[in-house]
Amino acid sequence: NRRGTGILNCLSIKDNTGISVYNDYLKAHIMLDHPKINKI
């Protein structure tokens, strides 16, 4: 069910793609490393 349990409808492509790895790309454990996430 792509609409119901797949996409995060109100968020961007970046957030929908990167949400699974956000915890792996943190600066000082509190800030997202956006350049690395953008490349992914």
PDB file of all heavy atoms in Angstrom:
ATOM      1  N   ASN A   1       0.845  -1.199   0.000  1.00  0.00           N
ATOM      2  CA  ASN A   1       0.000   0.000   0.000  1.00  0.00           C
ATOM      3  C   ASN A   1       0.878   1.246   0.000  1.00  0.00           C
ATOM      4  O   ASN A   1       1.202   1.799   1.039  1.00  0.00           O
ATOM      5  CB  ASN A   1      -0.916  -0.018   1.226  1.00  0.00           C
ATOM      6  CG  ASN A   1      -1.944   1.111   1.203  1.00  0.00           C
ATOM      7  OD1 ASN A   1      -1.943   1.945   0.304  1.00  0.00           O
ATOM      8  ND2 ASN A   1      -2.812   1.131   2.189  1.00  0.00           N
ATOM      9  N   ARG A   2       1.267   1.664  -1.183  1.00  0.00           N
ATOM     10  CA  ARG A   2       2.208   2.781  -1.326  1.00  0.00           C
ATOM     11  C   ARG A   2       1.711   4.045  -0.642  1.00  0.00           C
ATOM     12  O   ARG A   2       2.454   4.716   0.069  1.00  0.00           O
ATOM     13  CB  ARG A   2       2.436   3.048  -2.822  1.00  0.00           C
ATOM     14  CG  ARG A   2       3.308   4.245  -3.140  1.00  0.00           C
ATOM     15  CD  ARG A   2       3.637   4.277  -4.622  1.00  0.00           C
ATOM     16  NE  ARG A   2       2.476   4.369  -5.463  1.00  0.00           N
ATOM     17  CZ  ARG A   2       2.176   3.512  -6.438  1.00  0.00           C
ATOM     18  NH1 ARG A   2       2.945   2.474  -6.659  1.00  0.00           N
ATOM     19  NH2 ARG A   2       1.100   3.673  -7.179  1.00  0.00           N
ATOM     20  N   ARG A   3       0.431   4.375  -0.838  1.00  0.00           N
ATOM     21  CA  ARG A   3      -0.122   5.605  -0.276  1.00  0.00           C
ATOM     22  C   ARG A   3      -0.294   5.512   1.233  1.00  0.00           C
ATOM     23  O   ARG A   3       0.013   6.433   1.971  1.00  0.00           O
ATOM     24  CB  ARG A   3      -1.468   5.909  -0.941  1.00  0.00           C
ATOM     25  CG  ARG A   3      -2.220   7.101  -0.373  1.00  0.00           C
ATOM     26  CD  ARG A   3      -1.604   8.421  -0.765  1.00  0.00           C
ATOM     27  NE  ARG A   3      -1.671   8.667  -2.186  1.00  0.00           N
ATOM     28  CZ  ARG A   3      -1.249   9.783  -2.762  1.00  0.00           C
ATOM     29  NH1 ARG A   3      -0.721  10.743  -2.038  1.00  0.00           N
ATOM     30  NH2 ARG A   3      -1.312   9.933  -4.074  1.00  0.00           N
ATOM     31  N   GLY A   4      -0.777   4.352   1.723  1.00  0.00           N
ATOM     32  CA  GLY A   4      -1.108   4.230   3.138  1.00  0.00           C
ATOM     33  C   GLY A   4       0.081   3.997   4.040  1.00  0.00           C
ATOM     34  O   GLY A   4       0.174   4.566   5.130  1.00  0.00           O
ATOM     35  N   THR A   5       1.036   3.138   3.607  1.00  0.00           N
ATOM     36  CA  THR A   5       2.146   2.760   4.487  1.00  0.00           C
ATOM     37  C   THR A   5       3.515   2.914   3.842  1.00  0.00           C
ATOM     38  O   THR A   5       4.502   2.456   4.406  1.00  0.00           O
ATOM     39  CB  THR A   5       1.973   1.295   4.960  1.00  0.00           C
ATOM     40  OG1 THR A   5       1.845   0.445   3.797  1.00  0.00           O
ATOM     41  CG2 THR A   5       0.755   1.133   5.834  1.00  0.00           C
ATOM     42  N   GLY A   6       3.566   3.557   2.676  1.00  0.00           N
ATOM     43  CA  GLY A   6       4.845   3.706   1.993  1.00  0.00           C
ATOM     44  C   GLY A   6       5.387   5.123   2.051  1.00  0.00           C
ATOM     45  O   GLY A   6       6.304   5.430   2.798  1.00  0.00           O
ATOM     46  N   ILE A   7       4.772   6.015   1.297  1.00  0.00           N
ATOM     47  CA  ILE A   7       5.289   7.383   1.215  1.00  0.00           C
ATOM     48  C   ILE A   7       4.859   8.216   2.421  1.00  0.00           C
ATOM     49  O   ILE A   7       3.856   7.928   3.070  1.00  0.00           O
ATOM     50  CB  ILE A   7       4.831   8.083  -0.084  1.00  0.00           C
ATOM     51  CG1 ILE A   7       3.306   8.282  -0.091  1.00  0.00           C
ATOM     52  CG2 ILE A   7       5.287   7.312  -1.301  1.00  0.00           C
ATOM     53  CD1 ILE A   7       2.809   9.173  -1.210  1.00  0.00           C
ATOM     54  N   LEU A   8       5.669   9.231   2.703  1.00  0.00           N
ATOM     55  CA  LEU A   8       5.304  10.264   3.688  1.00  0.00           C
ATOM     56  C   LEU A   8       4.794  11.435   2.864  1.00  0.00           C
ATOM     57  O   LEU A   8       5.567  12.256   2.368  1.00  0.00           O
ATOM     58  CB  LEU A   8       6.515  10.627   4.540  1.00  0.00           C
ATOM     59  CG  LEU A   8       7.129   9.434   5.294  1.00  0.00           C
ATOM     60  CD1 LEU A   8       8.476   9.793   5.883  1.00  0.00           C
ATOM     61  CD2 LEU A   8       6.187   8.951   6.378  1.00  0.00           C
ATOM     62  N   ASN A   9       3.483  11.488   2.708  1.00  0.00           N
ATOM     63  CA  ASN A   9       2.836  12.274   1.665  1.00  0.00           C
ATOM     64  C   ASN A   9       3.165  13.754   1.716  1.00  0.00           C
ATOM     65  O   ASN A   9       3.276  14.415   0.683  1.00  0.00           O
ATOM     66  CB  ASN A   9       1.319  12.066   1.750  1.00  0.00           C
ATOM     67  CG  ASN A   9       0.616  12.441   0.465  1.00  0.00           C
ATOM     68  OD1 ASN A   9       1.047  12.056  -0.612  1.00  0.00           O
ATOM     69  ND2 ASN A   9      -0.461  13.186   0.580  1.00  0.00           N
ATOM     70  N   CYS A  10       3.322  14.307   2.921  1.00  0.00           N
ATOM     71  CA  CYS A  10       3.503  15.759   3.042  1.00  0.00           C
ATOM     72  C   CYS A  10       4.975  16.161   3.018  1.00  0.00           C
ATOM     73  O   CYS A  10       5.286  17.347   3.149  1.00  0.00           O
ATOM     74  CB  CYS A  10       2.845  16.261   4.323  1.00  0.00           C
ATOM     75  SG  CYS A  10       3.518  15.515   5.816  1.00  0.00           S
ATOM     76  N   LEU A  11       5.890  15.213   2.857  1.00  0.00           N
ATOM     77  CA  LEU A  11       7.320  15.520   2.896  1.00  0.00           C
ATOM     78  C   LEU A  11       7.938  15.457   1.505  1.00  0.00           C
ATOM     79  O   LEU A  11       7.332  14.987   0.539  1.00  0.00           O
ATOM     80  CB  LEU A  11       8.041  14.545   3.836  1.00  0.00           C
ATOM     81  CG  LEU A  11       7.612  14.591   5.314  1.00  0.00           C
ATOM     82  CD1 LEU A  11       8.437  13.610   6.137  1.00  0.00           C
ATOM     83  CD2 LEU A  11       7.744  15.999   5.884  1.00  0.00           C
ATOM     84  N   SER A  12       9.173  15.923   1.419  1.00  0.00           N
ATOM     85  CA  SER A  12       9.886  15.998   0.141  1.00  0.00           C
ATOM     86  C   SER A  12      10.462  14.644  -0.257  1.00  0.00           C
ATOM     87  O   SER A  12      10.491  13.684   0.533  1.00  0.00           O
ATOM     88  CB  SER A  12      11.029  17.004   0.255  1.00  0.00           C
ATOM     89  OG  SER A  12      12.012  16.509   1.164  1.00  0.00           O
ATOM     90  N   ILE A  13      10.945  14.583  -1.486  1.00  0.00           N
ATOM     91  CA  ILE A  13      11.645  13.385  -1.964  1.00  0.00           C
ATOM     92  C   ILE A  13      12.884  13.135  -1.101  1.00  0.00           C
ATOM     93  O   ILE A  13      13.188  11.994  -0.742  1.00  0.00           O
ATOM     94  CB  ILE A  13      12.053  13.570  -3.442  1.00  0.00           C
ATOM     95  CG1 ILE A  13      10.796  13.628  -4.316  1.00  0.00           C
ATOM     96  CG2 ILE A  13      12.972  12.453  -3.909  1.00  0.00           C
ATOM     97  CD1 ILE A  13      11.057  14.079  -5.722  1.00  0.00           C
ATOM     98  N   LYS A  14      13.575  14.198  -0.747  1.00  0.00           N
ATOM     99  CA  LYS A  14      14.765  14.054   0.097  1.00  0.00           C
ATOM    100  C   LYS A  14      14.417  13.392   1.427  1.00  0.00           C
ATOM    101  O   LYS A  14      15.088  12.444   1.852  1.00  0.00           O
ATOM    102  CB  LYS A  14      15.404  15.421   0.352  1.00  0.00           C
ATOM    103  CG  LYS A  14      16.582  15.373   1.325  1.00  0.00           C
ATOM    104  CD  LYS A  14      17.163  16.758   1.569  1.00  0.00           C
ATOM    105  CE  LYS A  14      18.258  16.712   2.643  1.00  0.00           C
ATOM    106  NZ  LYS A  14      18.841  18.043   2.877  1.00  0.00           N
ATOM    107  N   ASP A  15      13.368  13.868   2.078  1.00  0.00           N
ATOM    108  CA  ASP A  15      12.995  13.299   3.375  1.00  0.00           C
ATOM    109  C   ASP A  15      12.498  11.868   3.227  1.00  0.00           C
ATOM    110  O   ASP A  15      12.781  11.014   4.060  1.00  0.00           O
ATOM    111  CB  ASP A  15      11.920  14.159   4.043  1.00  0.00           C
ATOM    112  CG  ASP A  15      12.474  15.477   4.576  1.00  0.00           C
ATOM    113  OD1 ASP A  15      13.654  15.503   4.947  1.00  0.00           O
ATOM    114  OD2 ASP A  15      11.723  16.471   4.600  1.00  0.00           O
ATOM    115  N   ASN A  16      11.745  11.598   2.161  1.00  0.00           N
ATOM    116  CA  ASN A  16      11.233  10.249   1.955  1.00  0.00           C
ATOM    117  C   ASN A  16      12.349   9.258   1.659  1.00  0.00           C
ATOM    118  O   ASN A  16      12.265   8.098   2.048  1.00  0.00           O
ATOM    119  CB  ASN A  16      10.208  10.236   0.814  1.00  0.00           C
ATOM    120  CG  ASN A  16       8.800  10.504   1.297  1.00  0.00           C
ATOM    121  OD1 ASN A  16       8.089   9.586   1.679  1.00  0.00           O
ATOM    122  ND2 ASN A  16       8.408  11.783   1.298  1.00  0.00           N
ATOM    123  N   THR A  17      13.395   9.724   0.993  1.00  0.00           N
ATOM    124  CA  THR A  17      14.530   8.845   0.703  1.00  0.00           C
ATOM    125  C   THR A  17      15.462   8.740   1.894  1.00  0.00           C
ATOM    126  O   THR A  17      15.895   7.647   2.285  1.00  0.00           O
ATOM    127  CB  THR A  17      15.319   9.370  -0.518  1.00  0.00           C
ATOM    128  OG1 THR A  17      14.445   9.491  -1.634  1.00  0.00           O
ATOM    129  CG2 THR A  17      16.468   8.432  -0.865  1.00  0.00           C
ATOM    130  N   GLY A  18      15.769   9.873   2.503  1.00  0.00           N
ATOM    131  CA  GLY A  18      16.809   9.905   3.530  1.00  0.00           C
ATOM    132  C   GLY A  18      16.389   9.473   4.915  1.00  0.00           C
ATOM    133  O   GLY A  18      17.247   9.198   5.761  1.00  0.00           O
ATOM    134  N   ILE A  19      15.077   9.347   5.153  1.00  0.00           N
ATOM    135  CA  ILE A  19      14.612   9.076   6.514  1.00  0.00           C
ATOM    136  C   ILE A  19      15.174   7.767   7.070  1.00  0.00           C
ATOM    137  O   ILE A  19      15.389   7.638   8.272  1.00  0.00           O
ATOM    138  CB  ILE A  19      13.066   9.066   6.565  1.00  0.00           C
ATOM    139  CG1 ILE A  19      12.593   9.091   8.017  1.00  0.00           C
ATOM    140  CG2 ILE A  19      12.494   7.883   5.791  1.00  0.00           C
ATOM    141  CD1 ILE A  19      11.114   9.371   8.159  1.00  0.00           C
ATOM    142  N   SER A  20      15.461   6.810   6.201  1.00  0.00           N
ATOM    143  CA  SER A  20      15.972   5.525   6.683  1.00  0.00           C
ATOM    144  C   SER A  20      17.430   5.606   7.133  1.00  0.00           C
ATOM    145  O   SER A  20      17.923   4.705   7.812  1.00  0.00           O
ATOM    146  CB  SER A  20      15.838   4.456   5.589  1.00  0.00           C
ATOM    147  OG  SER A  20      16.630   4.797   4.469  1.00  0.00           O
ATOM    148  N   VAL A  21      18.133   6.699   6.767  1.00  0.00           N
ATOM    149  CA  VAL A  21      19.560   6.794   7.130  1.00  0.00           C
ATOM    150  C   VAL A  21      19.887   8.056   7.914  1.00  0.00           C
ATOM    151  O   VAL A  21      21.061   8.325   8.186  1.00  0.00           O
ATOM    152  CB  VAL A  21      20.451   6.735   5.852  1.00  0.00           C
ATOM    153  CG1 VAL A  21      20.325   5.391   5.169  1.00  0.00           C
ATOM    154  CG2 VAL A  21      20.108   7.870   4.877  1.00  0.00           C
ATOM    155  N   TYR A  22      18.884   8.840   8.284  1.00  0.00           N
ATOM    156  CA  TYR A  22      19.160  10.090   8.993  1.00  0.00           C
ATOM    157  C   TYR A  22      19.980   9.859  10.264  1.00  0.00           C
ATOM    158  O   TYR A  22      20.869  10.655  10.596  1.00  0.00           O
ATOM    159  CB  TYR A  22      17.856  10.810   9.333  1.00  0.00           C
ATOM    160  CG  TYR A  22      17.308  11.664   8.195  1.00  0.00           C
ATOM    161  CD1 TYR A  22      16.030  12.225   8.265  1.00  0.00           C
ATOM    162  CD2 TYR A  22      18.067  11.916   7.056  1.00  0.00           C
ATOM    163  CE1 TYR A  22      15.530  13.012   7.233  1.00  0.00           C
ATOM    164  CE2 TYR A  22      17.574  12.687   6.030  1.00  0.00           C
ATOM    165  CZ  TYR A  22      16.313  13.235   6.116  1.00  0.00           C
ATOM    166  OH  TYR A  22      15.828  14.006   5.097  1.00  0.00           O
ATOM    167  N   ASN A  23      19.685   8.798  10.981  1.00  0.00           N
ATOM    168  CA  ASN A  23      20.428   8.541  12.222  1.00  0.00           C
ATOM    169  C   ASN A  23      21.903   8.242  11.971  1.00  0.00           C
ATOM    170  O   ASN A  23      22.739   8.375  12.871  1.00  0.00           O
ATOM    171  CB  ASN A  23      19.799   7.373  12.988  1.00  0.00           C
ATOM    172  CG  ASN A  23      18.517   7.782  13.687  1.00  0.00           C
ATOM    173  OD1 ASN A  23      18.275   8.964  13.907  1.00  0.00           O
ATOM    174  ND2 ASN A  23      17.683   6.807  14.026  1.00  0.00           N
ATOM    175  N   ASP A  24      22.227   7.814  10.743  1.00  0.00           N
ATOM    176  CA  ASP A  24      23.623   7.487  10.410  1.00  0.00           C
ATOM    177  C   ASP A  24      24.414   8.710   9.946  1.00  0.00           C
ATOM    178  O   ASP A  24      25.630   8.621   9.776  1.00  0.00           O
ATOM    179  CB  ASP A  24      23.652   6.426   9.298  1.00  0.00           C
ATOM    180  CG  ASP A  24      22.975   5.126   9.722  1.00  0.00           C
ATOM    181  OD1 ASP A  24      23.041   4.796  10.922  1.00  0.00           O
ATOM    182  OD2 ASP A  24      22.376   4.460   8.861  1.00  0.00           O
ATOM    183  N   TYR A  25      23.733   9.818   9.718  1.00  0.00           N
ATOM    184  CA  TYR A  25      24.415  11.010   9.206  1.00  0.00           C
ATOM    185  C   TYR A  25      24.109  12.208  10.097  1.00  0.00           C
ATOM    186  O   TYR A  25      23.439  13.164   9.683  1.00  0.00           O
ATOM    187  CB  TYR A  25      24.003  11.270   7.749  1.00  0.00           C
ATOM    188  CG  TYR A  25      24.532  10.230   6.808  1.00  0.00           C
ATOM    189  CD1 TYR A  25      23.780   9.093   6.508  1.00  0.00           C
ATOM    190  CD2 TYR A  25      25.805  10.341   6.258  1.00  0.00           C
ATOM    191  CE1 TYR A  25      24.275   8.118   5.658  1.00  0.00           C
ATOM    192  CE2 TYR A  25      26.308   9.372   5.406  1.00  0.00           C
ATOM    193  CZ  TYR A  25      25.544   8.262   5.111  1.00  0.00           C
ATOM    194  OH  TYR A  25      26.047   7.299   4.281  1.00  0.00           O
ATOM    195  N   LEU A  26      24.603  12.145  11.310  1.00  0.00           N
ATOM    196  CA  LEU A  26      24.435  13.227  12.276  1.00  0.00           C
ATOM    197  C   LEU A  26      25.777  13.851  12.622  1.00  0.00           C
ATOM    198  O   LEU A  26      26.780  13.148  12.798  1.00  0.00           O
ATOM    199  CB  LEU A  26      23.783  12.694  13.567  1.00  0.00           C
ATOM    200  CG  LEU A  26      22.337  12.206  13.471  1.00  0.00           C
ATOM    201  CD1 LEU A  26      21.923  11.567  14.786  1.00  0.00           C
ATOM    202  CD2 LEU A  26      21.402  13.355  13.119  1.00  0.00           C
ATOM    203  N   LYS A  27      25.805  15.172  12.701  1.00  0.00           N
ATOM    204  CA  LYS A  27      26.988  15.880  13.178  1.00  0.00           C
ATOM    205  C   LYS A  27      26.826  16.126  14.672  1.00  0.00           C
ATOM    206  O   LYS A  27      25.806  16.664  15.104  1.00  0.00           O
ATOM    207  CB  LYS A  27      27.142  17.224  12.454  1.00  0.00           C
ATOM    208  CG  LYS A  27      27.431  17.120  10.967  1.00  0.00           C
ATOM    209  CD  LYS A  27      27.527  18.522  10.375  1.00  0.00           C
ATOM    210  CE  LYS A  27      27.808  18.487   8.888  1.00  0.00           C
ATOM    211  NZ  LYS A  27      27.838  19.862   8.313  1.00  0.00           N
ATOM    212  N   ALA A  28      27.819  15.710  15.425  1.00  0.00           N
ATOM    213  CA  ALA A  28      27.792  15.889  16.886  1.00  0.00           C
ATOM    214  C   ALA A  28      26.525  15.296  17.502  1.00  0.00           C
ATOM    215  O   ALA A  28      26.034  15.743  18.523  1.00  0.00           O
ATOM    216  CB  ALA A  28      27.904  17.376  17.246  1.00  0.00           C
ATOM    217  N   HIS A  29      25.983  14.280  16.818  1.00  0.00           N
ATOM    218  CA  HIS A  29      24.813  13.538  17.303  1.00  0.00           C
ATOM    219  C   HIS A  29      23.534  14.373  17.369  1.00  0.00           C
ATOM    220  O   HIS A  29      22.530  13.916  17.911  1.00  0.00           O
ATOM    221  CB  HIS A  29      25.084  12.938  18.695  1.00  0.00           C
ATOM    222  CG  HIS A  29      26.293  12.064  18.738  1.00  0.00           C
ATOM    223  ND1 HIS A  29      26.349  10.840  18.112  1.00  0.00           N
ATOM    224  CD2 HIS A  29      27.502  12.259  19.325  1.00  0.00           C
ATOM    225  CE1 HIS A  29      27.545  10.295  18.308  1.00  0.00           C
ATOM    226  NE2 HIS A  29      28.266  11.146  19.022  1.00  0.00           N
ATOM    227  N   ILE A  30      23.550  15.594  16.810  1.00  0.00           N
ATOM    228  CA  ILE A  30      22.347  16.430  16.921  1.00  0.00           C
ATOM    229  C   ILE A  30      21.934  17.089  15.598  1.00  0.00           C
ATOM    230  O   ILE A  30      20.784  17.480  15.451  1.00  0.00           O
ATOM    231  CB  ILE A  30      22.531  17.538  17.991  1.00  0.00           C
ATOM    232  CG1 ILE A  30      23.755  18.397  17.662  1.00  0.00           C
ATOM    233  CG2 ILE A  30      22.610  16.958  19.383  1.00  0.00           C
ATOM    234  CD1 ILE A  30      23.842  19.638  18.529  1.00  0.00           C
ATOM    235  N   MET A  31      22.853  17.202  14.636  1.00  0.00           N
ATOM    236  CA  MET A  31      22.539  17.914  13.390  1.00  0.00           C
ATOM    237  C   MET A  31      22.736  16.999  12.191  1.00  0.00           C
ATOM    238  O   MET A  31      23.702  16.236  12.131  1.00  0.00           O
ATOM    239  CB  MET A  31      23.443  19.151  13.230  1.00  0.00           C
ATOM    240  CG  MET A  31      23.212  20.221  14.284  1.00  0.00           C
ATOM    241  SD  MET A  31      24.383  21.586  14.083  1.00  0.00           S
ATOM    242  CE  MET A  31      24.020  22.114  12.420  1.00  0.00           C
ATOM    243  N   LEU A  32      21.801  17.084  11.243  1.00  0.00           N
ATOM    244  CA  LEU A  32      21.918  16.279  10.037  1.00  0.00           C
ATOM    245  C   LEU A  32      23.051  16.791   9.158  1.00  0.00           C
ATOM    246  O   LEU A  32      23.235  17.997   8.998  1.00  0.00           O
ATOM    247  CB  LEU A  32      20.600  16.313   9.253  1.00  0.00           C
ATOM    248  CG  LEU A  32      19.414  15.579   9.875  1.00  0.00           C
ATOM    249  CD1 LEU A  32      18.151  15.852   9.065  1.00  0.00           C
ATOM    250  CD2 LEU A  32      19.676  14.082   9.949  1.00  0.00           C
ATOM    251  N   ASP A  33      23.802  15.861   8.580  1.00  0.00           N
ATOM    252  CA  ASP A  33      24.873  16.201   7.650  1.00  0.00           C
ATOM    253  C   ASP A  33      24.256  16.296   6.250  1.00  0.00           C
ATOM    254  O   ASP A  33      24.268  15.342   5.466  1.00  0.00           O
ATOM    255  CB  ASP A  33      25.959  15.120   7.698  1.00  0.00           C
ATOM    256  CG  ASP A  33      27.208  15.527   6.932  1.00  0.00           C
ATOM    257  OD1 ASP A  33      27.092  16.399   6.049  1.00  0.00           O
ATOM    258  OD2 ASP A  33      28.287  14.985   7.216  1.00  0.00           O
ATOM    259  N   HIS A  34      23.704  17.449   5.934  1.00  0.00           N
ATOM    260  CA  HIS A  34      22.932  17.611   4.708  1.00  0.00           C
ATOM    261  C   HIS A  34      23.742  17.387   3.425  1.00  0.00           C
ATOM    262  O   HIS A  34      23.208  16.783   2.483  1.00  0.00           O
ATOM    263  CB  HIS A  34      22.254  18.984   4.687  1.00  0.00           C
ATOM    264  CG  HIS A  34      21.098  19.077   5.626  1.00  0.00           C
ATOM    265  ND1 HIS A  34      19.890  18.444   5.414  1.00  0.00           N
ATOM    266  CD2 HIS A  34      20.968  19.726   6.824  1.00  0.00           C
ATOM    267  CE1 HIS A  34      19.065  18.692   6.400  1.00  0.00           C
ATOM    268  NE2 HIS A  34      19.686  19.470   7.287  1.00  0.00           N
ATOM    269  N   PRO A  35      24.998  17.834   3.324  1.00  0.00           N
ATOM    270  CA  PRO A  35      25.744  17.572   2.085  1.00  0.00           C
ATOM    271  C   PRO A  35      25.850  16.082   1.766  1.00  0.00           C
ATOM    272  O   PRO A  35      25.672  15.677   0.608  1.00  0.00           O
ATOM    273  CB  PRO A  35      27.119  18.185   2.373  1.00  0.00           C
ATOM    274  CG  PRO A  35      26.831  19.285   3.347  1.00  0.00           C
ATOM    275  CD  PRO A  35      25.743  18.743   4.223  1.00  0.00           C
ATOM    276  N   LYS A  36      26.122  15.247   2.771  1.00  0.00           N
ATOM    277  CA  LYS A  36      26.227  13.802   2.532  1.00  0.00           C
ATOM    278  C   LYS A  36      24.873  13.198   2.189  1.00  0.00           C
ATOM    279  O   LYS A  36      24.765  12.342   1.297  1.00  0.00           O
ATOM    280  CB  LYS A  36      26.824  13.108   3.761  1.00  0.00           C
ATOM    281  CG  LYS A  36      28.299  13.403   3.968  1.00  0.00           C
ATOM    282  CD  LYS A  36      28.860  12.637   5.156  1.00  0.00           C
ATOM    283  CE  LYS A  36      30.354  12.925   5.320  1.00  0.00           C
ATOM    284  NZ  LYS A  36      30.929  12.201   6.491  1.00  0.00           N
ATOM    285  N   ILE A  37      23.827  13.649   2.889  1.00  0.00           N
ATOM    286  CA  ILE A  37      22.486  13.141   2.610  1.00  0.00           C
ATOM    287  C   ILE A  37      22.046  13.558   1.209  1.00  0.00           C
ATOM    288  O   ILE A  37      21.470  12.758   0.456  1.00  0.00           O
ATOM    289  CB  ILE A  37      21.493  13.656   3.668  1.00  0.00           C
ATOM    290  CG1 ILE A  37      21.823  13.054   5.035  1.00  0.00           C
ATOM    291  CG2 ILE A  37      20.059  13.313   3.280  1.00  0.00           C
ATOM    292  CD1 ILE A  37      21.071  13.683   6.191  1.00  0.00           C
ATOM    293  N   ASN A  38      22.345  14.802   0.835  1.00  0.00           N
ATOM    294  CA  ASN A  38      21.984  15.286  -0.502  1.00  0.00           C
ATOM    295  C   ASN A  38      22.629  14.435  -1.588  1.00  0.00           C
ATOM    296  O   ASN A  38      22.007  14.162  -2.625  1.00  0.00           O
ATOM    297  CB  ASN A  38      22.404  16.750  -0.669  1.00  0.00           C
ATOM    298  CG  ASN A  38      21.533  17.693   0.147  1.00  0.00           C
ATOM    299  OD1 ASN A  38      20.495  17.309   0.665  1.00  0.00           O
ATOM    300  ND2 ASN A  38      21.973  18.934   0.279  1.00  0.00           N
ATOM    301  N   LYS A  39      23.885  14.023  -1.356  1.00  0.00           N
ATOM    302  CA  LYS A  39      24.576  13.199  -2.359  1.00  0.00           C
ATOM    303  C   LYS A  39      23.905  11.833  -2.503  1.00  0.00           C
ATOM    304  O   LYS A  39      23.714  11.335  -3.620  1.00  0.00           O
ATOM    305  CB  LYS A  39      26.045  13.012  -1.978  1.00  0.00           C
ATOM    306  CG  LYS A  39      26.837  12.271  -3.065  1.00  0.00           C
ATOM    307  CD  LYS A  39      28.296  12.170  -2.739  1.00  0.00           C
ATOM    308  CE  LYS A  39      29.092  11.612  -3.913  1.00  0.00           C
ATOM    309  NZ  LYS A  39      28.498  10.434  -4.553  1.00  0.00           N
ATOM    310  N   ILE A  40      23.514  11.244  -1.372  1.00  0.00           N
ATOM    311  CA  ILE A  40      22.829   9.946  -1.418  1.00  0.00           C
ATOM    312  C   ILE A  40      21.519  10.064  -2.182  1.00  0.00           C
ATOM    313  O   ILE A  40      21.213   9.236  -3.054  1.00  0.00           O
ATOM    314  CB  ILE A  40      22.566   9.428   0.014  1.00  0.00           C
ATOM    315  CG1 ILE A  40      23.883   9.035   0.691  1.00  0.00           C
ATOM    316  CG2 ILE A  40      21.602   8.233   0.007  1.00  0.00           C
ATOM    317  CD1 ILE A  40      23.751   8.720   2.158  1.00  0.00           C
TER     318      ILE A  40
END
